[in-house]
Amino acid sequence: MKLLTDRAQLVCAHEIGRVGLQPSQTLVFVEGQPLLVDDDPEGRPIRFCPNYGVGIKPCQHTLKVTQGYSTLLRIGGQRVALDSVRGLTDGTPPGVVEYMVRQPGQDLLEEHL
């Protein structure tokens, strides 16, 4: 599984909605980009989600990551985010719409179990 940088592309399940990322660590970089760690993909804004209408709320924020943090690699005690990151959004229907990784932001580093 590839490690995520701040150039990673995360999208809501509607494929157009883009997650805005903000790295919280400044110690480890790949190709000049900081790696993402535990909590970086959570609580982030989602822009351009096309899922809207009467009684329908578009995806606007990511919720807690449900899978995709490394069990081996840590930076400053925080687990590194992998390209398997998935979690729910705040879009409708509640508890159903996920966000996921489309591109990891780099192709050099991988975690092998």
PDB file of N, CA and C in Angstrom:
ATOM      1  N   MET A   1       0.836  -1.177   0.000  1.00  0.00           N
ATOM      2  CA  MET A   1       0.000   0.000   0.000  1.00  0.00           C
ATOM      3  C   MET A   1       0.884   1.246   0.000  1.00  0.00           C
ATOM      4  N   LYS A   2       0.527   2.205  -0.791  1.00  0.00           N
ATOM      5  CA  LYS A   2       1.308   3.437  -0.898  1.00  0.00           C
ATOM      6  C   LYS A   2       0.972   4.396   0.244  1.00  0.00           C
ATOM      7  N   LEU A   3       1.971   5.180   0.639  1.00  0.00           N
ATOM      8  CA  LEU A   3       1.791   6.190   1.673  1.00  0.00           C
ATOM      9  C   LEU A   3       1.207   7.447   1.034  1.00  0.00           C
ATOM     10  N   LEU A   4       0.355   8.155   1.780  1.00  0.00           N
ATOM     11  CA  LEU A   4      -0.301   9.358   1.253  1.00  0.00           C
ATOM     12  C   LEU A   4       0.493  10.618   1.566  1.00  0.00           C
ATOM     13  N   THR A   5       0.564  11.511   0.569  1.00  0.00           N
ATOM     14  CA  THR A   5       1.129  12.838   0.795  1.00  0.00           C
ATOM     15  C   THR A   5       0.000  13.863   0.717  1.00  0.00           C
ATOM     16  N   ASP A   6       0.350  15.119   0.946  1.00  0.00           N
ATOM     17  CA  ASP A   6      -0.678  16.160   0.875  1.00  0.00           C
ATOM     18  C   ASP A   6      -1.148  16.417  -0.555  1.00  0.00           C
ATOM     19  N   ARG A   7      -0.518  15.782  -1.539  1.00  0.00           N
ATOM     20  CA  ARG A   7      -0.985  15.863  -2.931  1.00  0.00           C
ATOM     21  C   ARG A   7      -1.948  14.723  -3.284  1.00  0.00           C
ATOM     22  N   ALA A   8      -2.248  13.884  -2.334  1.00  0.00           N
ATOM     23  CA  ALA A   8      -3.175  12.770  -2.581  1.00  0.00           C
ATOM     24  C   ALA A   8      -4.534  13.325  -3.007  1.00  0.00           C
ATOM     25  N   GLN A   9      -5.238  12.553  -3.807  1.00  0.00           N
ATOM     26  CA  GLN A   9      -6.594  12.918  -4.208  1.00  0.00           C
ATOM     27  C   GLN A   9      -7.565  11.982  -3.507  1.00  0.00           C
ATOM     28  N   LEU A  10      -8.321  12.545  -2.587  1.00  0.00           N
ATOM     29  CA  LEU A  10      -9.381  11.814  -1.919  1.00  0.00           C
ATOM     30  C   LEU A  10     -10.698  12.370  -2.416  1.00  0.00           C
ATOM     31  N   VAL A  11     -11.655  11.489  -2.666  1.00  0.00           N
ATOM     32  CA  VAL A  11     -12.946  11.887  -3.214  1.00  0.00           C
ATOM     33  C   VAL A  11     -14.073  11.231  -2.433  1.00  0.00           C
ATOM     34  N   CYS A  12     -15.246  11.868  -2.470  1.00  0.00           N
ATOM     35  CA  CYS A  12     -16.423  11.224  -1.905  1.00  0.00           C
ATOM     36  C   CYS A  12     -16.904  10.179  -2.907  1.00  0.00           C
ATOM     37  N   ALA A  13     -17.803   9.317  -2.502  1.00  0.00           N
ATOM     38  CA  ALA A  13     -18.282   8.237  -3.357  1.00  0.00           C
ATOM     39  C   ALA A  13     -18.963   8.737  -4.623  1.00  0.00           C
ATOM     40  N   HIS A  14     -19.309  10.013  -4.665  1.00  0.00           N
ATOM     41  CA  HIS A  14     -19.923  10.587  -5.861  1.00  0.00           C
ATOM     42  C   HIS A  14     -18.871  10.982  -6.892  1.00  0.00           C
ATOM     43  N   GLU A  15     -17.591  10.696  -6.586  1.00  0.00           N
ATOM     44  CA  GLU A  15     -16.429  10.823  -7.473  1.00  0.00           C
ATOM     45  C   GLU A  15     -16.001  12.235  -7.838  1.00  0.00           C
ATOM     46  N   ILE A  16     -16.870  13.199  -7.787  1.00  0.00           N
ATOM     47  CA  ILE A  16     -16.482  14.568  -8.151  1.00  0.00           C
ATOM     48  C   ILE A  16     -16.073  15.358  -6.914  1.00  0.00           C
ATOM     49  N   GLY A  17     -16.663  15.037  -5.776  1.00  0.00           N
ATOM     50  CA  GLY A  17     -16.357  15.752  -4.538  1.00  0.00           C
ATOM     51  C   GLY A  17     -14.922  15.539  -4.114  1.00  0.00           C
ATOM     52  N   ARG A  18     -14.153  16.612  -3.973  1.00  0.00           N
ATOM     53  CA  ARG A  18     -12.737  16.552  -3.616  1.00  0.00           C
ATOM     54  C   ARG A  18     -12.513  16.936  -2.163  1.00  0.00           C
ATOM     55  N   VAL A  19     -11.699  16.138  -1.474  1.00  0.00           N
ATOM     56  CA  VAL A  19     -11.359  16.381  -0.076  1.00  0.00           C
ATOM     57  C   VAL A  19     -10.154  17.316  -0.023  1.00  0.00           C
ATOM     58  N   GLY A  20     -10.267  18.400   0.741  1.00  0.00           N
ATOM     59  CA  GLY A  20      -9.151  19.316   0.959  1.00  0.00           C
ATOM     60  C   GLY A  20      -8.265  18.794   2.072  1.00  0.00           C
ATOM     61  N   LEU A  21      -6.989  18.584   1.798  1.00  0.00           N
ATOM     62  CA  LEU A  21      -6.074  17.993   2.771  1.00  0.00           C
ATOM     63  C   LEU A  21      -5.134  19.033   3.364  1.00  0.00           C
ATOM     64  N   GLN A  22      -4.777  18.840   4.620  1.00  0.00           N
ATOM     65  CA  GLN A  22      -3.844  19.710   5.323  1.00  0.00           C
ATOM     66  C   GLN A  22      -2.963  18.828   6.198  1.00  0.00           C
ATOM     67  N   PRO A  23      -1.669  18.668   5.866  1.00  0.00           N
ATOM     68  CA  PRO A  23      -0.798  17.815   6.684  1.00  0.00           C
ATOM     69  C   PRO A  23      -0.533  18.433   8.051  1.00  0.00           C
ATOM     70  N   SER A  24      -0.403  17.559   9.048  1.00  0.00           N
ATOM     71  CA  SER A  24      -0.140  18.050  10.402  1.00  0.00           C
ATOM     72  C   SER A  24       1.303  17.827  10.841  1.00  0.00           C
ATOM     73  N   GLN A  25       2.086  17.114  10.033  1.00  0.00           N
ATOM     74  CA  GLN A  25       3.480  16.870  10.411  1.00  0.00           C
ATOM     75  C   GLN A  25       4.404  17.474   9.363  1.00  0.00           C
ATOM     76  N   THR A  26       5.598  17.884   9.815  1.00  0.00           N
ATOM     77  CA  THR A  26       6.576  18.503   8.908  1.00  0.00           C
ATOM     78  C   THR A  26       7.956  17.855   9.043  1.00  0.00           C
ATOM     79  N   LEU A  27       7.971  16.581   9.439  1.00  0.00           N
ATOM     80  CA  LEU A  27       9.240  15.881   9.625  1.00  0.00           C
ATOM     81  C   LEU A  27       9.630  15.011   8.441  1.00  0.00           C
ATOM     82  N   VAL A  28       8.663  14.348   7.796  1.00  0.00           N
ATOM     83  CA  VAL A  28       8.956  13.385   6.738  1.00  0.00           C
ATOM     84  C   VAL A  28       8.255  13.801   5.447  1.00  0.00           C
ATOM     85  N   PHE A  29       9.059  13.875   4.371  1.00  0.00           N
ATOM     86  CA  PHE A  29       8.565  14.294   3.062  1.00  0.00           C
ATOM     87  C   PHE A  29       8.909  13.237   2.019  1.00  0.00           C
ATOM     88  N   VAL A  30       8.075  13.112   0.999  1.00  0.00           N
ATOM     89  CA  VAL A  30       8.347  12.263  -0.154  1.00  0.00           C
ATOM     90  C   VAL A  30       8.147  13.130  -1.392  1.00  0.00           C
ATOM     91  N   GLU A  31       9.153  13.165  -2.252  1.00  0.00           N
ATOM     92  CA  GLU A  31       9.107  14.011  -3.442  1.00  0.00           C
ATOM     93  C   GLU A  31       8.751  15.462  -3.076  1.00  0.00           C
ATOM     94  N   GLY A  32       9.259  15.913  -1.927  1.00  0.00           N
ATOM     95  CA  GLY A  32       9.033  17.276  -1.481  1.00  0.00           C
ATOM     96  C   GLY A  32       7.697  17.536  -0.822  1.00  0.00           C
ATOM     97  N   GLN A  33       6.881  16.497  -0.658  1.00  0.00           N
ATOM     98  CA  GLN A  33       5.542  16.646  -0.081  1.00  0.00           C
ATOM     99  C   GLN A  33       5.468  15.948   1.271  1.00  0.00           C
ATOM    100  N   PRO A  34       4.850  16.586   2.276  1.00  0.00           N
ATOM    101  CA  PRO A  34       4.733  15.937   3.583  1.00  0.00           C
ATOM    102  C   PRO A  34       3.766  14.759   3.540  1.00  0.00           C
ATOM    103  N   LEU A  35       4.128  13.700   4.275  1.00  0.00           N
ATOM    104  CA  LEU A  35       3.233  12.556   4.398  1.00  0.00           C
ATOM    105  C   LEU A  35       2.066  12.909   5.308  1.00  0.00           C
ATOM    106  N   LEU A  36       0.927  12.285   5.057  1.00  0.00           N
ATOM    107  CA  LEU A  36      -0.247  12.458   5.913  1.00  0.00           C
ATOM    108  C   LEU A  36      -0.208  11.417   7.026  1.00  0.00           C
ATOM    109  N   VAL A  37      -0.673  11.811   8.188  1.00  0.00           N
ATOM    110  CA  VAL A  37      -0.693  10.918   9.344  1.00  0.00           C
ATOM    111  C   VAL A  37      -2.092  10.900   9.963  1.00  0.00           C
ATOM    112  N   ASP A  38      -2.207  10.096  10.996  1.00  0.00           N
ATOM    113  CA  ASP A  38      -3.463   9.906  11.728  1.00  0.00           C
ATOM    114  C   ASP A  38      -4.177  11.239  11.978  1.00  0.00           C
ATOM    115  N   ASP A  39      -5.414  11.281  11.616  1.00  0.00           N
ATOM    116  CA  ASP A  39      -6.339  12.419  11.738  1.00  0.00           C
ATOM    117  C   ASP A  39      -6.280  13.417  10.591  1.00  0.00           C
ATOM    118  N   ASP A  40      -5.214  13.405   9.751  1.00  0.00           N
ATOM    119  CA  ASP A  40      -5.145  14.385   8.663  1.00  0.00           C
ATOM    120  C   ASP A  40      -6.337  14.297   7.703  1.00  0.00           C
ATOM    121  N   PRO A  41      -6.816  13.083   7.328  1.00  0.00           N
ATOM    122  CA  PRO A  41      -7.963  13.032   6.407  1.00  0.00           C
ATOM    123  C   PRO A  41      -9.318  13.284   7.079  1.00  0.00           C
ATOM    124  N   GLU A  42      -9.345  13.404   8.397  1.00  0.00           N
ATOM    125  CA  GLU A  42     -10.603  13.514   9.137  1.00  0.00           C
ATOM    126  C   GLU A  42     -11.008  14.964   9.376  1.00  0.00           C
ATOM    127  N   GLY A  43     -12.310  15.229   9.262  1.00  0.00           N
ATOM    128  CA  GLY A  43     -12.831  16.571   9.501  1.00  0.00           C
ATOM    129  C   GLY A  43     -12.434  17.575   8.430  1.00  0.00           C
ATOM    130  N   ARG A  44     -12.110  17.086   7.254  1.00  0.00           N
ATOM    131  CA  ARG A  44     -11.661  17.942   6.163  1.00  0.00           C
ATOM    132  C   ARG A  44     -12.832  18.335   5.268  1.00  0.00           C
ATOM    133  N   PRO A  45     -12.753  19.498   4.647  1.00  0.00           N
ATOM    134  CA  PRO A  45     -13.841  19.950   3.762  1.00  0.00           C
ATOM    135  C   PRO A  45     -13.871  19.155   2.451  1.00  0.00           C
ATOM    136  N   ILE A  46     -15.069  18.970   1.927  1.00  0.00           N
ATOM    137  CA  ILE A  46     -15.260  18.346   0.619  1.00  0.00           C
ATOM    138  C   ILE A  46     -15.922  19.384  -0.271  1.00  0.00           C
ATOM    139  N   ARG A  47     -15.316  19.622  -1.444  1.00  0.00           N
ATOM    140  CA  ARG A  47     -15.864  20.600  -2.383  1.00  0.00           C
ATOM    141  C   ARG A  47     -16.350  19.886  -3.637  1.00  0.00           C
ATOM    142  N   PHE A  48     -17.333  20.456  -4.268  1.00  0.00           N
ATOM    143  CA  PHE A  48     -17.847  20.021  -5.574  1.00  0.00           C
ATOM    144  C   PHE A  48     -18.638  18.717  -5.549  1.00  0.00           C
ATOM    145  N   CYS A  49     -19.141  18.276  -4.412  1.00  0.00           N
ATOM    146  CA  CYS A  49     -19.975  17.072  -4.397  1.00  0.00           C
ATOM    147  C   CYS A  49     -21.262  17.361  -5.177  1.00  0.00           C
ATOM    148  N   PRO A  50     -21.589  16.515  -6.159  1.00  0.00           N
ATOM    149  CA  PRO A  50     -22.766  16.758  -6.986  1.00  0.00           C
ATOM    150  C   PRO A  50     -24.072  16.229  -6.387  1.00  0.00           C
ATOM    151  N   ASN A  51     -24.009  15.629  -5.218  1.00  0.00           N
ATOM    152  CA  ASN A  51     -25.182  15.005  -4.605  1.00  0.00           C
ATOM    153  C   ASN A  51     -25.993  16.059  -3.841  1.00  0.00           C
ATOM    154  N   TYR A  52     -26.887  16.733  -4.524  1.00  0.00           N
ATOM    155  CA  TYR A  52     -27.717  17.736  -3.849  1.00  0.00           C
ATOM    156  C   TYR A  52     -29.097  17.761  -4.485  1.00  0.00           C
ATOM    157  N   GLY A  53     -30.017  18.323  -3.749  1.00  0.00           N
ATOM    158  CA  GLY A  53     -31.400  18.432  -4.189  1.00  0.00           C
ATOM    159  C   GLY A  53     -32.291  18.622  -2.983  1.00  0.00           C
ATOM    160  N   VAL A  54     -33.602  18.600  -3.183  1.00  0.00           N
ATOM    161  CA  VAL A  54     -34.549  18.764  -2.087  1.00  0.00           C
ATOM    162  C   VAL A  54     -34.400  17.590  -1.126  1.00  0.00           C
ATOM    163  N   GLY A  55     -34.095  17.883   0.119  1.00  0.00           N
ATOM    164  CA  GLY A  55     -33.941  16.850   1.139  1.00  0.00           C
ATOM    165  C   GLY A  55     -32.650  16.054   1.050  1.00  0.00           C
ATOM    166  N   ILE A  56     -31.739  16.458   0.176  1.00  0.00           N
ATOM    167  CA  ILE A  56     -30.462  15.759   0.014  1.00  0.00           C
ATOM    168  C   ILE A  56     -29.333  16.710   0.399  1.00  0.00           C
ATOM    169  N   LYS A  57     -28.475  16.243   1.277  1.00  0.00           N
ATOM    170  CA  LYS A  57     -27.326  17.051   1.706  1.00  0.00           C
ATOM    171  C   LYS A  57     -26.077  16.539   0.991  1.00  0.00           C
ATOM    172  N   PRO A  58     -25.362  17.408   0.280  1.00  0.00           N
ATOM    173  CA  PRO A  58     -24.119  16.969  -0.364  1.00  0.00           C
ATOM    174  C   PRO A  58     -23.044  16.674   0.684  1.00  0.00           C
ATOM    175  N   CYS A  59     -22.050  15.935   0.283  1.00  0.00           N
ATOM    176  CA  CYS A  59     -20.909  15.665   1.161  1.00  0.00           C
ATOM    177  C   CYS A  59     -20.141  16.975   1.347  1.00  0.00           C
ATOM    178  N   GLN A  60     -19.989  17.407   2.591  1.00  0.00           N
ATOM    179  CA  GLN A  60     -19.282  18.654   2.867  1.00  0.00           C
ATOM    180  C   GLN A  60     -18.060  18.467   3.751  1.00  0.00           C
ATOM    181  N   HIS A  61     -18.026  17.368   4.524  1.00  0.00           N
ATOM    182  CA  HIS A  61     -16.883  17.101   5.409  1.00  0.00           C
ATOM    183  C   HIS A  61     -16.651  15.601   5.544  1.00  0.00           C
ATOM    184  N   THR A  62     -15.393  15.250   5.754  1.00  0.00           N
ATOM    185  CA  THR A  62     -15.061  13.862   6.050  1.00  0.00           C
ATOM    186  C   THR A  62     -15.264  13.611   7.536  1.00  0.00           C
ATOM    187  N   LEU A  63     -15.629  12.387   7.856  1.00  0.00           N
ATOM    188  CA  LEU A  63     -15.752  11.959   9.248  1.00  0.00           C
ATOM    189  C   LEU A  63     -14.548  11.073   9.570  1.00  0.00           C
ATOM    190  N   LYS A  64     -14.605  10.353  10.662  1.00  0.00           N
ATOM    191  CA  LYS A  64     -13.492   9.520  11.124  1.00  0.00           C
ATOM    192  C   LYS A  64     -13.099   8.469  10.091  1.00  0.00           C
ATOM    193  N   VAL A  65     -11.807   8.248   9.944  1.00  0.00           N
ATOM    194  CA  VAL A  65     -11.291   7.192   9.082  1.00  0.00           C
ATOM    195  C   VAL A  65     -11.673   5.847   9.698  1.00  0.00           C
ATOM    196  N   THR A  66     -12.210   4.943   8.876  1.00  0.00           N
ATOM    197  CA  THR A  66     -12.598   3.615   9.361  1.00  0.00           C
ATOM    198  C   THR A  66     -11.550   2.561   9.037  1.00  0.00           C
ATOM    199  N   GLN A  67     -10.692   2.824   8.055  1.00  0.00           N
ATOM    200  CA  GLN A  67      -9.570   1.935   7.730  1.00  0.00           C
ATOM    201  C   GLN A  67      -8.533   2.713   6.956  1.00  0.00           C
ATOM    202  N   GLY A  68      -7.275   2.223   6.999  1.00  0.00           N
ATOM    203  CA  GLY A  68      -6.245   2.818   6.157  1.00  0.00           C
ATOM    204  C   GLY A  68      -5.089   3.501   6.860  1.00  0.00           C
ATOM    205  N   TYR A  69      -4.969   3.340   8.173  1.00  0.00           N
ATOM    206  CA  TYR A  69      -3.776   3.835   8.847  1.00  0.00           C
ATOM    207  C   TYR A  69      -2.810   2.676   9.039  1.00  0.00           C
ATOM    208  N   SER A  70      -1.518   2.938   8.887  1.00  0.00           N
ATOM    209  CA  SER A  70      -0.498   1.912   9.022  1.00  0.00           C
ATOM    210  C   SER A  70      -0.458   1.357  10.440  1.00  0.00           C
ATOM    211  N   THR A  71      -0.237   0.068  10.538  1.00  0.00           N
ATOM    212  CA  THR A  71      -0.028  -0.558  11.851  1.00  0.00           C
ATOM    213  C   THR A  71       1.465  -0.654  12.161  1.00  0.00           C
ATOM    214  N   LEU A  72       2.323  -0.335  11.158  1.00  0.00           N
ATOM    215  CA  LEU A  72       3.772  -0.431  11.337  1.00  0.00           C
ATOM    216  C   LEU A  72       4.473   0.918  11.402  1.00  0.00           C
ATOM    217  N   LEU A  73       4.097   1.838  10.515  1.00  0.00           N
ATOM    218  CA  LEU A  73       4.813   3.105  10.379  1.00  0.00           C
ATOM    219  C   LEU A  73       4.155   4.230  11.161  1.00  0.00           C
ATOM    220  N   ARG A  74       5.006   4.983  11.864  1.00  0.00           N
ATOM    221  CA  ARG A  74       4.542   6.147  12.631  1.00  0.00           C
ATOM    222  C   ARG A  74       5.525   7.294  12.449  1.00  0.00           C
ATOM    223  N   ILE A  75       4.987   8.494  12.502  1.00  0.00           N
ATOM    224  CA  ILE A  75       5.807   9.709  12.489  1.00  0.00           C
ATOM    225  C   ILE A  75       5.385  10.513  13.706  1.00  0.00           C
ATOM    226  N   GLY A  76       6.320  10.755  14.606  1.00  0.00           N
ATOM    227  CA  GLY A  76       5.996  11.490  15.823  1.00  0.00           C
ATOM    228  C   GLY A  76       4.881  10.824  16.617  1.00  0.00           C
ATOM    229  N   GLY A  77       4.828   9.495  16.585  1.00  0.00           N
ATOM    230  CA  GLY A  77       3.812   8.748  17.318  1.00  0.00           C
ATOM    231  C   GLY A  77       2.481   8.606  16.594  1.00  0.00           C
ATOM    232  N   GLN A  78       2.320   9.253  15.437  1.00  0.00           N
ATOM    233  CA  GLN A  78       1.065   9.183  14.684  1.00  0.00           C
ATOM    234  C   GLN A  78       1.195   8.187  13.539  1.00  0.00           C
ATOM    235  N   ARG A  79       0.160   7.383  13.340  1.00  0.00           N
ATOM    236  CA  ARG A  79       0.162   6.389  12.269  1.00  0.00           C
ATOM    237  C   ARG A  79       0.144   7.075  10.903  1.00  0.00           C
ATOM    238  N   VAL A  80       0.888   6.531   9.956  1.00  0.00           N
ATOM    239  CA  VAL A  80       0.942   7.067   8.591  1.00  0.00           C
ATOM    240  C   VAL A  80      -0.320   6.646   7.842  1.00  0.00           C
ATOM    241  N   ALA A  81      -0.858   7.551   7.031  1.00  0.00           N
ATOM    242  CA  ALA A  81      -2.046   7.268   6.223  1.00  0.00           C
ATOM    243  C   ALA A  81      -1.641   6.543   4.940  1.00  0.00           C
ATOM    244  N   LEU A  82      -2.416   5.522   4.576  1.00  0.00           N
ATOM    245  CA  LEU A  82      -2.141   4.696   3.406  1.00  0.00           C
ATOM    246  C   LEU A  82      -3.208   4.905   2.334  1.00  0.00           C
ATOM    247  N   ASP A  83      -2.928   4.401   1.126  1.00  0.00           N
ATOM    248  CA  ASP A  83      -3.897   4.577   0.038  1.00  0.00           C
ATOM    249  C   ASP A  83      -5.151   3.726   0.196  1.00  0.00           C
ATOM    250  N   SER A  84      -5.261   3.007   1.280  1.00  0.00           N
ATOM    251  CA  SER A  84      -6.483   2.253   1.597  1.00  0.00           C
ATOM    252  C   SER A  84      -7.415   3.036   2.528  1.00  0.00           C
ATOM    253  N   VAL A  85      -7.098   4.308   2.799  1.00  0.00           N
ATOM    254  CA  VAL A  85      -7.925   5.136   3.686  1.00  0.00           C
ATOM    255  C   VAL A  85      -9.364   5.206   3.162  1.00  0.00           C
ATOM    256  N   ARG A  86     -10.285   4.961   4.077  1.00  0.00           N
ATOM    257  CA  ARG A  86     -11.723   5.080   3.801  1.00  0.00           C
ATOM    258  C   ARG A  86     -12.407   5.566   5.064  1.00  0.00           C
ATOM    259  N   GLY A  87     -13.499   6.255   4.885  1.00  0.00           N
ATOM    260  CA  GLY A  87     -14.312   6.707   6.004  1.00  0.00           C
ATOM    261  C   GLY A  87     -15.622   7.241   5.464  1.00  0.00           C
ATOM    262  N   LEU A  88     -16.479   7.673   6.348  1.00  0.00           N
ATOM    263  CA  LEU A  88     -17.778   8.210   5.942  1.00  0.00           C
ATOM    264  C   LEU A  88     -17.715   9.726   5.782  1.00  0.00           C
ATOM    265  N   THR A  89     -18.660  10.248   4.993  1.00  0.00           N
ATOM    266  CA  THR A  89     -18.828  11.691   4.869  1.00  0.00           C
ATOM    267  C   THR A  89     -20.090  12.089   5.636  1.00  0.00           C
ATOM    268  N   ASP A  90     -20.347  13.392   5.700  1.00  0.00           N
ATOM    269  CA  ASP A  90     -21.564  13.884   6.341  1.00  0.00           C
ATOM    270  C   ASP A  90     -22.722  14.028   5.362  1.00  0.00           C
ATOM    271  N   GLY A  91     -22.564  13.503   4.144  1.00  0.00           N
ATOM    272  CA  GLY A  91     -23.617  13.587   3.136  1.00  0.00           C
ATOM    273  C   GLY A  91     -24.762  12.614   3.402  1.00  0.00           C
ATOM    274  N   THR A  92     -25.845  12.773   2.646  1.00  0.00           N
ATOM    275  CA  THR A  92     -26.992  11.886   2.803  1.00  0.00           C
ATOM    276  C   THR A  92     -26.936  10.771   1.764  1.00  0.00           C
ATOM    277  N   PRO A  93     -27.460   9.613   2.128  1.00  0.00           N
ATOM    278  CA  PRO A  93     -28.040   9.263   3.422  1.00  0.00           C
ATOM    279  C   PRO A  93     -26.952   9.097   4.488  1.00  0.00           C
ATOM    280  N   PRO A  94     -27.233   9.508   5.726  1.00  0.00           N
ATOM    281  CA  PRO A  94     -26.241   9.441   6.806  1.00  0.00           C
ATOM    282  C   PRO A  94     -25.737   8.010   7.020  1.00  0.00           C
ATOM    283  N   GLY A  95     -24.434   7.899   7.275  1.00  0.00           N
ATOM    284  CA  GLY A  95     -23.838   6.604   7.583  1.00  0.00           C
ATOM    285  C   GLY A  95     -23.668   5.689   6.391  1.00  0.00           C
ATOM    286  N   VAL A  96     -23.773   6.226   5.173  1.00  0.00           N
ATOM    287  CA  VAL A  96     -23.679   5.391   3.974  1.00  0.00           C
ATOM    288  C   VAL A  96     -22.588   5.866   3.011  1.00  0.00           C
ATOM    289  N   VAL A  97     -22.482   7.169   2.786  1.00  0.00           N
ATOM    290  CA  VAL A  97     -21.580   7.701   1.756  1.00  0.00           C
ATOM    291  C   VAL A  97     -20.141   7.748   2.286  1.00  0.00           C
ATOM    292  N   GLU A  98     -19.240   7.105   1.556  1.00  0.00           N
ATOM    293  CA  GLU A  98     -17.843   7.031   1.952  1.00  0.00           C
ATOM    294  C   GLU A  98     -16.975   7.991   1.143  1.00  0.00           C
ATOM    295  N   TYR A  99     -15.779   8.250   1.689  1.00  0.00           N
ATOM    296  CA  TYR A  99     -14.720   8.887   0.922  1.00  0.00           C
ATOM    297  C   TYR A  99     -13.585   7.882   0.803  1.00  0.00           C
ATOM    298  N   MET A 100     -12.781   8.030  -0.260  1.00  0.00           N
ATOM    299  CA  MET A 100     -11.703   7.086  -0.520  1.00  0.00           C
ATOM    300  C   MET A 100     -10.584   7.771  -1.288  1.00  0.00           C
ATOM    301  N   VAL A 101      -9.479   7.064  -1.460  1.00  0.00           N
ATOM    302  CA  VAL A 101      -8.307   7.587  -2.165  1.00  0.00           C
ATOM    303  C   VAL A 101      -8.413   7.260  -3.649  1.00  0.00           C
ATOM    304  N   ARG A 102      -8.245   8.263  -4.474  1.00  0.00           N
ATOM    305  CA  ARG A 102      -8.159   8.060  -5.927  1.00  0.00           C
ATOM    306  C   ARG A 102      -6.691   7.991  -6.351  1.00  0.00           C
ATOM    307  N   GLN A 103      -5.846   8.888  -5.812  1.00  0.00           N
ATOM    308  CA  GLN A 103      -4.406   8.930  -6.096  1.00  0.00           C
ATOM    309  C   GLN A 103      -3.672   9.165  -4.777  1.00  0.00           C
ATOM    310  N   PRO A 104      -2.560   8.446  -4.508  1.00  0.00           N
ATOM    311  CA  PRO A 104      -1.852   8.615  -3.234  1.00  0.00           C
ATOM    312  C   PRO A 104      -0.982   9.865  -3.143  1.00  0.00           C
ATOM    313  N   GLY A 105      -0.688  10.514  -4.269  1.00  0.00           N
ATOM    314  CA  GLY A 105       0.147  11.719  -4.233  1.00  0.00           C
ATOM    315  C   GLY A 105       1.624  11.443  -4.428  1.00  0.00           C
ATOM    316  N   GLN A 106       2.017  10.158  -4.479  1.00  0.00           N
ATOM    317  CA  GLN A 106       3.400   9.777  -4.753  1.00  0.00           C
ATOM    318  C   GLN A 106       3.427   8.303  -5.130  1.00  0.00           C
ATOM    319  N   ASP A 107       4.492   7.894  -5.817  1.00  0.00           N
ATOM    320  CA  ASP A 107       4.619   6.498  -6.264  1.00  0.00           C
ATOM    321  C   ASP A 107       5.907   5.828  -5.807  1.00  0.00           C
ATOM    322  N   LEU A 108       6.631   6.444  -4.877  1.00  0.00           N
ATOM    323  CA  LEU A 108       7.909   5.894  -4.454  1.00  0.00           C
ATOM    324  C   LEU A 108       7.825   4.963  -3.256  1.00  0.00           C
ATOM    325  N   LEU A 109       7.083   5.349  -2.222  1.00  0.00           N
ATOM    326  CA  LEU A 109       7.083   4.588  -0.970  1.00  0.00           C
ATOM    327  C   LEU A 109       5.820   3.774  -0.776  1.00  0.00           C
ATOM    328  N   GLU A 110       6.041   2.518  -0.367  1.00  0.00           N
ATOM    329  CA  GLU A 110       4.934   1.616  -0.063  1.00  0.00           C
ATOM    330  C   GLU A 110       5.208   0.915   1.259  1.00  0.00           C
ATOM    331  N   GLU A 111       4.146   0.506   1.899  1.00  0.00           N
ATOM    332  CA  GLU A 111       4.254  -0.332   3.089  1.00  0.00           C
ATOM    333  C   GLU A 111       3.952  -1.761   2.657  1.00  0.00           C
ATOM    334  N   HIS A 112       4.827  -2.676   2.999  1.00  0.00           N
ATOM    335  CA  HIS A 112       4.599  -4.094   2.696  1.00  0.00           C
ATOM    336  C   HIS A 112       4.486  -4.844   4.009  1.00  0.00           C
ATOM    337  N   LEU A 113       3.433  -5.609   4.125  1.00  0.00           N
ATOM    338  CA  LEU A 113       3.234  -6.378   5.358  1.00  0.00           C
ATOM    339  C   LEU A 113       3.865  -7.729   5.272  1.00  0.00           C
TER     340      LEU A 113
END
